[in-house]
PDB file of N, CA and C in Angstrom:
ATOM      1  N   MET A   1      91.456 106.988 117.652  1.00  0.00           N
ATOM      2  CA  MET A   1      91.131 105.577 117.653  1.00  0.00           C
ATOM      3  C   MET A   1      91.897 104.885 116.527  1.00  0.00           C
ATOM      4  N   ILE A   2      92.540 103.777 116.848  1.00  0.00           N
ATOM      5  CA  ILE A   2      93.268 103.005 115.848  1.00  0.00           C
ATOM      6  C   ILE A   2      92.280 102.173 115.054  1.00  0.00           C
ATOM      7  N   LYS A   3      92.418 102.231 113.746  1.00  0.00           N
ATOM      8  CA  LYS A   3      91.549 101.445 112.872  1.00  0.00           C
ATOM      9  C   LYS A   3      92.427 100.749 111.846  1.00  0.00           C
ATOM     10  N   ASN A   4      92.320  99.448 111.797  1.00  0.00           N
ATOM     11  CA  ASN A   4      93.090  98.677 110.832  1.00  0.00           C
ATOM     12  C   ASN A   4      92.304  98.581 109.540  1.00  0.00           C
ATOM     13  N   LEU A   5      92.975  98.870 108.452  1.00  0.00           N
ATOM     14  CA  LEU A   5      92.330  98.808 107.146  1.00  0.00           C
ATOM     15  C   LEU A   5      92.667  97.487 106.481  1.00  0.00           C
ATOM     16  N   ILE A   6      91.691  96.639 106.378  1.00  0.00           N
ATOM     17  CA  ILE A   6      91.862  95.345 105.730  1.00  0.00           C
ATOM     18  C   ILE A   6      91.343  95.410 104.295  1.00  0.00           C
ATOM     19  N   SER A   7      90.224  96.078 104.121  1.00  0.00           N
ATOM     20  CA  SER A   7      89.611  96.196 102.802  1.00  0.00           C
ATOM     21  C   SER A   7      88.904  97.537 102.697  1.00  0.00           C
ATOM     22  N   LEU A   8      88.876  98.104 101.509  1.00  0.00           N
ATOM     23  CA  LEU A   8      88.144  99.357 101.305  1.00  0.00           C
ATOM     24  C   LEU A   8      86.655  99.174 101.590  1.00  0.00           C
ATOM     25  N   LYS A   9      86.186  97.941 101.484  1.00  0.00           N
ATOM     26  CA  LYS A   9      84.782  97.651 101.771  1.00  0.00           C
ATOM     27  C   LYS A   9      84.449  97.901 103.242  1.00  0.00           C
ATOM     28  N   ASP A  10      85.478  97.918 104.097  1.00  0.00           N
ATOM     29  CA  ASP A  10      85.274  98.156 105.526  1.00  0.00           C
ATOM     30  C   ASP A  10      85.062  99.636 105.850  1.00  0.00           C
ATOM     31  N   LEU A  11      85.308 100.493 104.879  1.00  0.00           N
ATOM     32  CA  LEU A  11      85.190 101.935 105.099  1.00  0.00           C
ATOM     33  C   LEU A  11      83.807 102.438 104.692  1.00  0.00           C
ATOM     34  N   SER A  12      83.333 103.390 105.466  1.00  0.00           N
ATOM     35  CA  SER A  12      82.062 104.028 105.111  1.00  0.00           C
ATOM     36  C   SER A  12      82.340 105.129 104.084  1.00  0.00           C
ATOM     37  N   LYS A  13      81.289 105.647 103.510  1.00  0.00           N
ATOM     38  CA  LYS A  13      81.419 106.760 102.557  1.00  0.00           C
ATOM     39  C   LYS A  13      82.084 107.947 103.259  1.00  0.00           C
ATOM     40  N   GLU A  14      81.697 108.196 104.508  1.00  0.00           N
ATOM     41  CA  GLU A  14      82.260 109.309 105.268  1.00  0.00           C
ATOM     42  C   GLU A  14      83.747 109.093 105.536  1.00  0.00           C
ATOM     43  N   ASP A  15      84.138 107.848 105.841  1.00  0.00           N
ATOM     44  CA  ASP A  15      85.558 107.540 106.054  1.00  0.00           C
ATOM     45  C   ASP A  15      86.369 107.885 104.807  1.00  0.00           C
ATOM     46  N   ILE A  16      85.877 107.468 103.660  1.00  0.00           N
ATOM     47  CA  ILE A  16      86.582 107.710 102.404  1.00  0.00           C
ATOM     48  C   ILE A  16      86.658 109.204 102.111  1.00  0.00           C
ATOM     49  N   GLU A  17      85.570 109.921 102.353  1.00  0.00           N
ATOM     50  CA  GLU A  17      85.576 111.374 102.139  1.00  0.00           C
ATOM     51  C   GLU A  17      86.582 112.047 103.062  1.00  0.00           C
ATOM     52  N   ASP A  18      86.653 111.605 104.319  1.00  0.00           N
ATOM     53  CA  ASP A  18      87.620 112.174 105.273  1.00  0.00           C
ATOM     54  C   ASP A  18      89.054 111.908 104.827  1.00  0.00           C
ATOM     55  N   ILE A  19      89.327 110.708 104.370  1.00  0.00           N
ATOM     56  CA  ILE A  19      90.667 110.352 103.891  1.00  0.00           C
ATOM     57  C   ILE A  19      91.052 111.233 102.711  1.00  0.00           C
ATOM     58  N   LEU A  20      90.119 111.431 101.782  1.00  0.00           N
ATOM     59  CA  LEU A  20      90.404 112.259 100.611  1.00  0.00           C
ATOM     60  C   LEU A  20      90.614 113.723 100.985  1.00  0.00           C
ATOM     61  N   LYS A  21      89.894 114.213 101.982  1.00  0.00           N
ATOM     62  CA  LYS A  21      90.089 115.596 102.442  1.00  0.00           C
ATOM     63  C   LYS A  21      91.476 115.778 103.038  1.00  0.00           C
ATOM     64  N   VAL A  22      91.886 114.833 103.877  1.00  0.00           N
ATOM     65  CA  VAL A  22      93.219 114.914 104.488  1.00  0.00           C
ATOM     66  C   VAL A  22      94.291 114.798 103.416  1.00  0.00           C
ATOM     67  N   ALA A  23      94.117 113.870 102.476  1.00  0.00           N
ATOM     68  CA  ALA A  23      95.086 113.711 101.390  1.00  0.00           C
ATOM     69  C   ALA A  23      95.219 114.998 100.581  1.00  0.00           C
ATOM     70  N   SER A  24      94.105 115.660 100.339  1.00  0.00           N
ATOM     71  CA  SER A  24      94.123 116.920  99.601  1.00  0.00           C
ATOM     72  C   SER A  24      94.895 117.992 100.369  1.00  0.00           C
ATOM     73  N   LYS A  25      94.690 118.059 101.679  1.00  0.00           N
ATOM     74  CA  LYS A  25      95.419 119.032 102.511  1.00  0.00           C
ATOM     75  C   LYS A  25      96.916 118.741 102.503  1.00  0.00           C
ATOM     76  N   ILE A  26      97.281 117.467 102.614  1.00  0.00           N
ATOM     77  CA  ILE A  26      98.696 117.093 102.605  1.00  0.00           C
ATOM     78  C   ILE A  26      99.327 117.467 101.270  1.00  0.00           C
ATOM     79  N   LYS A  27      98.625 117.226 100.184  1.00  0.00           N
ATOM     80  CA  LYS A  27      99.161 117.554  98.856  1.00  0.00           C
ATOM     81  C   LYS A  27      99.306 119.068  98.681  1.00  0.00           C
ATOM     82  N   LYS A  28      98.351 119.820  99.198  1.00  0.00           N
ATOM     83  CA  LYS A  28      98.372 121.274  99.047  1.00  0.00           C
ATOM     84  C   LYS A  28      99.407 121.939  99.959  1.00  0.00           C
ATOM     85  N   TYR A  29      99.565 121.405 101.179  1.00  0.00           N
ATOM     86  CA  TYR A  29     100.463 121.995 102.184  1.00  0.00           C
ATOM     87  C   TYR A  29     101.427 120.934 102.736  1.00  0.00           C
ATOM     88  N   PRO A  30     102.277 120.344 101.908  1.00  0.00           N
ATOM     89  CA  PRO A  30     103.126 119.245 102.380  1.00  0.00           C
ATOM     90  C   PRO A  30     104.041 119.623 103.542  1.00  0.00           C
ATOM     91  N   PHE A  31     104.508 120.855 103.589  1.00  0.00           N
ATOM     92  CA  PHE A  31     105.413 121.292 104.652  1.00  0.00           C
ATOM     93  C   PHE A  31     104.766 121.203 106.031  1.00  0.00           C
ATOM     94  N   ARG A  32     103.460 121.324 106.099  1.00  0.00           N
ATOM     95  CA  ARG A  32     102.750 121.234 107.385  1.00  0.00           C
ATOM     96  C   ARG A  32     102.769 119.805 107.951  1.00  0.00           C
ATOM     97  N   TYR A  33     103.028 118.851 107.095  1.00  0.00           N
ATOM     98  CA  TYR A  33     102.959 117.436 107.492  1.00  0.00           C
ATOM     99  C   TYR A  33     104.317 116.750 107.444  1.00  0.00           C
ATOM    100  N   SER A  34     105.386 117.521 107.217  1.00  0.00           N
ATOM    101  CA  SER A  34     106.704 116.933 106.983  1.00  0.00           C
ATOM    102  C   SER A  34     107.303 116.217 108.190  1.00  0.00           C
ATOM    103  N   SER A  35     106.726 116.389 109.356  1.00  0.00           N
ATOM    104  CA  SER A  35     107.240 115.664 110.531  1.00  0.00           C
ATOM    105  C   SER A  35     106.141 114.834 111.207  1.00  0.00           C
ATOM    106  N   LYS A  36     105.066 114.608 110.506  1.00  0.00           N
ATOM    107  CA  LYS A  36     103.921 113.867 111.063  1.00  0.00           C
ATOM    108  C   LYS A  36     104.303 112.450 111.485  1.00  0.00           C
ATOM    109  N   LEU A  37     105.256 111.854 110.776  1.00  0.00           N
ATOM    110  CA  LEU A  37     105.688 110.495 111.108  1.00  0.00           C
ATOM    111  C   LEU A  37     107.092 110.465 111.730  1.00  0.00           C
ATOM    112  N   LYS A  38     107.499 111.593 112.322  1.00  0.00           N
ATOM    113  CA  LYS A  38     108.819 111.664 112.952  1.00  0.00           C
ATOM    114  C   LYS A  38     108.947 110.552 113.993  1.00  0.00           C
ATOM    115  N   ASN A  39     110.065 109.853 113.940  1.00  0.00           N
ATOM    116  CA  ASN A  39     110.367 108.739 114.856  1.00  0.00           C
ATOM    117  C   ASN A  39     109.394 107.572 114.729  1.00  0.00           C
ATOM    118  N   LYS A  40     108.757 107.452 113.581  1.00  0.00           N
ATOM    119  CA  LYS A  40     107.829 106.346 113.330  1.00  0.00           C
ATOM    120  C   LYS A  40     108.389 105.481 112.209  1.00  0.00           C
ATOM    121  N   THR A  41     108.093 104.193 112.272  1.00  0.00           N
ATOM    122  CA  THR A  41     108.515 103.257 111.245  1.00  0.00           C
ATOM    123  C   THR A  41     107.293 102.567 110.673  1.00  0.00           C
ATOM    124  N   LEU A  42     107.201 102.586 109.355  1.00  0.00           N
ATOM    125  CA  LEU A  42     106.126 101.905 108.637  1.00  0.00           C
ATOM    126  C   LEU A  42     106.657 100.558 108.179  1.00  0.00           C
ATOM    127  N   LEU A  43     106.029  99.481 108.628  1.00  0.00           N
ATOM    128  CA  LEU A  43     106.409  98.145 108.187  1.00  0.00           C
ATOM    129  C   LEU A  43     105.439  97.718 107.101  1.00  0.00           C
ATOM    130  N   MET A  44     105.981  97.460 105.916  1.00  0.00           N
ATOM    131  CA  MET A  44     105.143  97.084 104.777  1.00  0.00           C
ATOM    132  C   MET A  44     105.325  95.597 104.510  1.00  0.00           C
ATOM    133  N   LEU A  45     104.290  94.807 104.751  1.00  0.00           N
ATOM    134  CA  LEU A  45     104.327  93.371 104.504  1.00  0.00           C
ATOM    135  C   LEU A  45     103.674  93.102 103.155  1.00  0.00           C
ATOM    136  N   PHE A  46     104.441  92.570 102.219  1.00  0.00           N
ATOM    137  CA  PHE A  46     103.934  92.316 100.879  1.00  0.00           C
ATOM    138  C   PHE A  46     103.907  90.828 100.582  1.00  0.00           C
ATOM    139  N   ALA A  47     102.755  90.335 100.153  1.00  0.00           N
ATOM    140  CA  ALA A  47     102.622  88.934  99.753  1.00  0.00           C
ATOM    141  C   ALA A  47     103.029  88.769  98.296  1.00  0.00           C
ATOM    142  N   LYS A  48     102.808  89.819  97.494  1.00  0.00           N
ATOM    143  CA  LYS A  48     103.136  89.779  96.067  1.00  0.00           C
ATOM    144  C   LYS A  48     103.934  91.035  95.718  1.00  0.00           C
ATOM    145  N   PRO A  49     104.768  90.952  94.687  1.00  0.00           N
ATOM    146  CA  PRO A  49     105.513  92.142  94.266  1.00  0.00           C
ATOM    147  C   PRO A  49     104.555  93.257  93.832  1.00  0.00           C
ATOM    148  N   SER A  50     104.885  94.482  94.201  1.00  0.00           N
ATOM    149  CA  SER A  50     104.048  95.614  93.833  1.00  0.00           C
ATOM    150  C   SER A  50     104.913  96.870  93.776  1.00  0.00           C
ATOM    151  N   LEU A  51     105.406  97.182  92.618  1.00  0.00           N
ATOM    152  CA  LEU A  51     106.330  98.300  92.451  1.00  0.00           C
ATOM    153  C   LEU A  51     105.693  99.628  92.862  1.00  0.00           C
ATOM    154  N   ARG A  52     104.529  99.960  92.320  1.00  0.00           N
ATOM    155  CA  ARG A  52     103.898 101.263  92.598  1.00  0.00           C
ATOM    156  C   ARG A  52     103.550 101.418  94.079  1.00  0.00           C
ATOM    157  N   THR A  53     102.933 100.402  94.650  1.00  0.00           N
ATOM    158  CA  THR A  53     102.531 100.490  96.055  1.00  0.00           C
ATOM    159  C   THR A  53     103.761 100.591  96.950  1.00  0.00           C
ATOM    160  N   HIS A  54     104.742  99.748  96.695  1.00  0.00           N
ATOM    161  CA  HIS A  54     105.972  99.754  97.487  1.00  0.00           C
ATOM    162  C   HIS A  54     106.620 101.135  97.450  1.00  0.00           C
ATOM    163  N   LEU A  55     106.857 101.650  96.254  1.00  0.00           N
ATOM    164  CA  LEU A  55     107.533 102.942  96.117  1.00  0.00           C
ATOM    165  C   LEU A  55     106.703 104.092  96.674  1.00  0.00           C
ATOM    166  N   SER A  56     105.407 104.108  96.397  1.00  0.00           N
ATOM    167  CA  SER A  56     104.587 105.241  96.860  1.00  0.00           C
ATOM    168  C   SER A  56     104.510 105.290  98.381  1.00  0.00           C
ATOM    169  N   PHE A  57     104.400 104.133  99.028  1.00  0.00           N
ATOM    170  CA  PHE A  57     104.358 104.123 100.491  1.00  0.00           C
ATOM    171  C   PHE A  57     105.715 104.504 101.086  1.00  0.00           C
ATOM    172  N   GLU A  58     106.788 104.025 100.474  1.00  0.00           N
ATOM    173  CA  GLU A  58     108.112 104.353 100.992  1.00  0.00           C
ATOM    174  C   GLU A  58     108.402 105.849 100.851  1.00  0.00           C
ATOM    175  N   VAL A  59     108.077 106.410  99.707  1.00  0.00           N
ATOM    176  CA  VAL A  59     108.285 107.845  99.486  1.00  0.00           C
ATOM    177  C   VAL A  59     107.401 108.659 100.430  1.00  0.00           C
ATOM    178  N   ALA A  60     106.156 108.258 100.591  1.00  0.00           N
ATOM    179  CA  ALA A  60     105.243 108.976 101.483  1.00  0.00           C
ATOM    180  C   ALA A  60     105.763 108.966 102.919  1.00  0.00           C
ATOM    181  N   ALA A  61     106.230 107.828 103.390  1.00  0.00           N
ATOM    182  CA  ALA A  61     106.762 107.746 104.752  1.00  0.00           C
ATOM    183  C   ALA A  61     107.940 108.707 104.920  1.00  0.00           C
ATOM    184  N   LEU A  62     108.834 108.736 103.944  1.00  0.00           N
ATOM    185  CA  LEU A  62     109.985 109.639 104.009  1.00  0.00           C
ATOM    186  C   LEU A  62     109.558 111.099 103.975  1.00  0.00           C
ATOM    187  N   GLN A  63     108.610 111.435 103.098  1.00  0.00           N
ATOM    188  CA  GLN A  63     108.156 112.823 102.994  1.00  0.00           C
ATOM    189  C   GLN A  63     107.442 113.287 104.262  1.00  0.00           C
ATOM    190  N   LEU A  64     106.879 112.352 105.014  1.00  0.00           N
ATOM    191  CA  LEU A  64     106.198 112.691 106.264  1.00  0.00           C
ATOM    192  C   LEU A  64     107.131 112.569 107.469  1.00  0.00           C
ATOM    193  N   GLY A  65     108.424 112.363 107.210  1.00  0.00           N
ATOM    194  CA  GLY A  65     109.409 112.357 108.277  1.00  0.00           C
ATOM    195  C   GLY A  65     109.664 110.999 108.904  1.00  0.00           C
ATOM    196  N   GLY A  66     109.104 109.952 108.344  1.00  0.00           N
ATOM    197  CA  GLY A  66     109.266 108.621 108.917  1.00  0.00           C
ATOM    198  C   GLY A  66     110.213 107.755 108.105  1.00  0.00           C
ATOM    199  N   HIS A  67     110.170 106.476 108.402  1.00  0.00           N
ATOM    200  CA  HIS A  67     111.013 105.489 107.745  1.00  0.00           C
ATOM    201  C   HIS A  67     110.140 104.306 107.362  1.00  0.00           C
ATOM    202  N   ALA A  68     110.431 103.677 106.232  1.00  0.00           N
ATOM    203  CA  ALA A  68     109.650 102.525 105.786  1.00  0.00           C
ATOM    204  C   ALA A  68     110.542 101.307 105.634  1.00  0.00           C
ATOM    205  N   ILE A  69     110.008 100.168 106.044  1.00  0.00           N
ATOM    206  CA  ILE A  69     110.705  98.896 105.883  1.00  0.00           C
ATOM    207  C   ILE A  69     109.843  98.001 104.991  1.00  0.00           C
ATOM    208  N   PHE A  70     110.452  97.503 103.920  1.00  0.00           N
ATOM    209  CA  PHE A  70     109.778  96.578 103.012  1.00  0.00           C
ATOM    210  C   PHE A  70     110.098  95.163 103.455  1.00  0.00           C
ATOM    211  N   TYR A  71     109.063  94.343 103.639  1.00  0.00           N
ATOM    212  CA  TYR A  71     109.263  92.947 104.036  1.00  0.00           C
ATOM    213  C   TYR A  71     108.497  92.058 103.073  1.00  0.00           C
ATOM    214  N   ASN A  72     109.242  91.217 102.361  1.00  0.00           N
ATOM    215  CA  ASN A  72     108.654  90.327 101.369  1.00  0.00           C
ATOM    216  C   ASN A  72     108.221  89.028 102.048  1.00  0.00           C
ATOM    217  N   MET A  73     106.930  88.822 102.151  1.00  0.00           N
ATOM    218  CA  MET A  73     106.405  87.622 102.809  1.00  0.00           C
ATOM    219  C   MET A  73     106.742  86.353 102.035  1.00  0.00           C
ATOM    220  N   GLY A  74     107.003  86.464 100.741  1.00  0.00           N
ATOM    221  CA  GLY A  74     107.366  85.309  99.933  1.00  0.00           C
ATOM    222  C   GLY A  74     108.689  84.697 100.359  1.00  0.00           C
ATOM    223  N   ASP A  75     109.585  85.531 100.857  1.00  0.00           N
ATOM    224  CA  ASP A  75     110.896  85.066 101.319  1.00  0.00           C
ATOM    225  C   ASP A  75     110.941  84.899 102.839  1.00  0.00           C
ATOM    226  N   SER A  76     109.831  85.045 103.475  1.00  0.00           N
ATOM    227  CA  SER A  76     109.767  85.073 104.933  1.00  0.00           C
ATOM    228  C   SER A  76     109.888  83.695 105.567  1.00  0.00           C
ATOM    229  N   THR A  77     110.387  83.689 106.784  1.00  0.00           N
ATOM    230  CA  THR A  77     110.423  82.469 107.590  1.00  0.00           C
ATOM    231  C   THR A  77     109.217  82.376 108.517  1.00  0.00           C
ATOM    232  N   ILE A  78     108.370  83.403 108.487  1.00  0.00           N
ATOM    233  CA  ILE A  78     107.184  83.424 109.346  1.00  0.00           C
ATOM    234  C   ILE A  78     106.267  82.270 108.961  1.00  0.00           C
ATOM    235  N   GLY A  79     105.909  81.479 109.951  1.00  0.00           N
ATOM    236  CA  GLY A  79     105.053  80.324 109.725  1.00  0.00           C
ATOM    237  C   GLY A  79     105.823  79.090 109.285  1.00  0.00           C
ATOM    238  N   LYS A  80     107.126  79.243 109.059  1.00  0.00           N
ATOM    239  CA  LYS A  80     107.965  78.116 108.638  1.00  0.00           C
ATOM    240  C   LYS A  80     108.966  77.789 109.742  1.00  0.00           C
ATOM    241  N   LYS A  81     109.906  78.701 109.962  1.00  0.00           N
ATOM    242  CA  LYS A  81     110.928  78.493 110.994  1.00  0.00           C
ATOM    243  C   LYS A  81     110.507  79.078 112.343  1.00  0.00           C
ATOM    244  N   GLU A  82     109.593  80.014 112.305  1.00  0.00           N
ATOM    245  CA  GLU A  82     109.108  80.625 113.551  1.00  0.00           C
ATOM    246  C   GLU A  82     107.602  80.773 113.462  1.00  0.00           C
ATOM    247  N   SER A  83     106.964  80.706 114.601  1.00  0.00           N
ATOM    248  CA  SER A  83     105.507  80.772 114.610  1.00  0.00           C
ATOM    249  C   SER A  83     105.035  82.187 114.285  1.00  0.00           C
ATOM    250  N   VAL A  84     103.826  82.287 113.789  1.00  0.00           N
ATOM    251  CA  VAL A  84     103.235  83.592 113.498  1.00  0.00           C
ATOM    252  C   VAL A  84     103.137  84.399 114.789  1.00  0.00           C
ATOM    253  N   LYS A  85     102.763  83.743 115.874  1.00  0.00           N
ATOM    254  CA  LYS A  85     102.633  84.422 117.175  1.00  0.00           C
ATOM    255  C   LYS A  85     103.964  85.046 117.603  1.00  0.00           C
ATOM    256  N   ASP A  86     105.060  84.294 117.512  1.00  0.00           N
ATOM    257  CA  ASP A  86     106.374  84.830 117.876  1.00  0.00           C
ATOM    258  C   ASP A  86     106.798  85.953 116.936  1.00  0.00           C
ATOM    259  N   ALA A  87     106.524  85.802 115.650  1.00  0.00           N
ATOM    260  CA  ALA A  87     106.889  86.828 114.673  1.00  0.00           C
ATOM    261  C   ALA A  87     106.144  88.128 114.948  1.00  0.00           C
ATOM    262  N   VAL A  88     104.863  88.029 115.274  1.00  0.00           N
ATOM    263  CA  VAL A  88     104.074  89.228 115.563  1.00  0.00           C
ATOM    264  C   VAL A  88     104.631  89.948 116.784  1.00  0.00           C
ATOM    265  N   LYS A  89     105.000  89.203 117.821  1.00  0.00           N
ATOM    266  CA  LYS A  89     105.599  89.825 119.013  1.00  0.00           C
ATOM    267  C   LYS A  89     106.874  90.578 118.643  1.00  0.00           C
ATOM    268  N   LEU A  90     107.700  89.967 117.817  1.00  0.00           N
ATOM    269  CA  LEU A  90     108.936  90.601 117.399  1.00  0.00           C
ATOM    270  C   LEU A  90     108.669  91.854 116.572  1.00  0.00           C
ATOM    271  N   LEU A  91     107.769  91.750 115.606  1.00  0.00           N
ATOM    272  CA  LEU A  91     107.456  92.898 114.760  1.00  0.00           C
ATOM    273  C   LEU A  91     106.898  94.054 115.578  1.00  0.00           C
ATOM    274  N   LEU A  92     106.023  93.752 116.537  1.00  0.00           N
ATOM    275  CA  LEU A  92     105.440  94.815 117.369  1.00  0.00           C
ATOM    276  C   LEU A  92     106.468  95.478 118.274  1.00  0.00           C
ATOM    277  N   ALA A  93     107.564  94.793 118.547  1.00  0.00           N
ATOM    278  CA  ALA A  93     108.619  95.394 119.356  1.00  0.00           C
ATOM    279  C   ALA A  93     109.359  96.481 118.570  1.00  0.00           C
ATOM    280  N   PHE A  94     109.309  96.396 117.239  1.00  0.00           N
ATOM    281  CA  PHE A  94     110.064  97.321 116.403  1.00  0.00           C
ATOM    282  C   PHE A  94     109.232  98.406 115.745  1.00  0.00           C
ATOM    283  N   VAL A  95     107.970  98.164 115.553  1.00  0.00           N
ATOM    284  CA  VAL A  95     107.111  99.158 114.907  1.00  0.00           C
ATOM    285  C   VAL A  95     105.929  99.491 115.807  1.00  0.00           C
ATOM    286  N   GLU A  96     105.464 100.706 115.701  1.00  0.00           N
ATOM    287  CA  GLU A  96     104.344 101.164 116.519  1.00  0.00           C
ATOM    288  C   GLU A  96     103.042 100.847 115.818  1.00  0.00           C
ATOM    289  N   VAL A  97     102.067 100.456 116.585  1.00  0.00           N
ATOM    290  CA  VAL A  97     100.751 100.118 116.006  1.00  0.00           C
ATOM    291  C   VAL A  97      99.830 101.304 116.115  1.00  0.00           C
TER     292      VAL A  97
END
């Protein structure tokens, strides 16, 4: 089931425990997960600069066999030159949900 994470407040205690268990397994056995994101692209939309988050997500995507794209919303034309609806259609054509 696809679940969008908007806020940590949306997660139950069990959700957080499950995430930490999986993270622990990935850290302990990284080779088992090295192709988990094969042929997948992570689109990272950032409203504010964030060095640690940007780098950690990009490195994680690469280590899991995927690719990451950084998109700075501050420099974006979304909502200015093109509608949010059109932009979402375009973004969904390039990245998997």
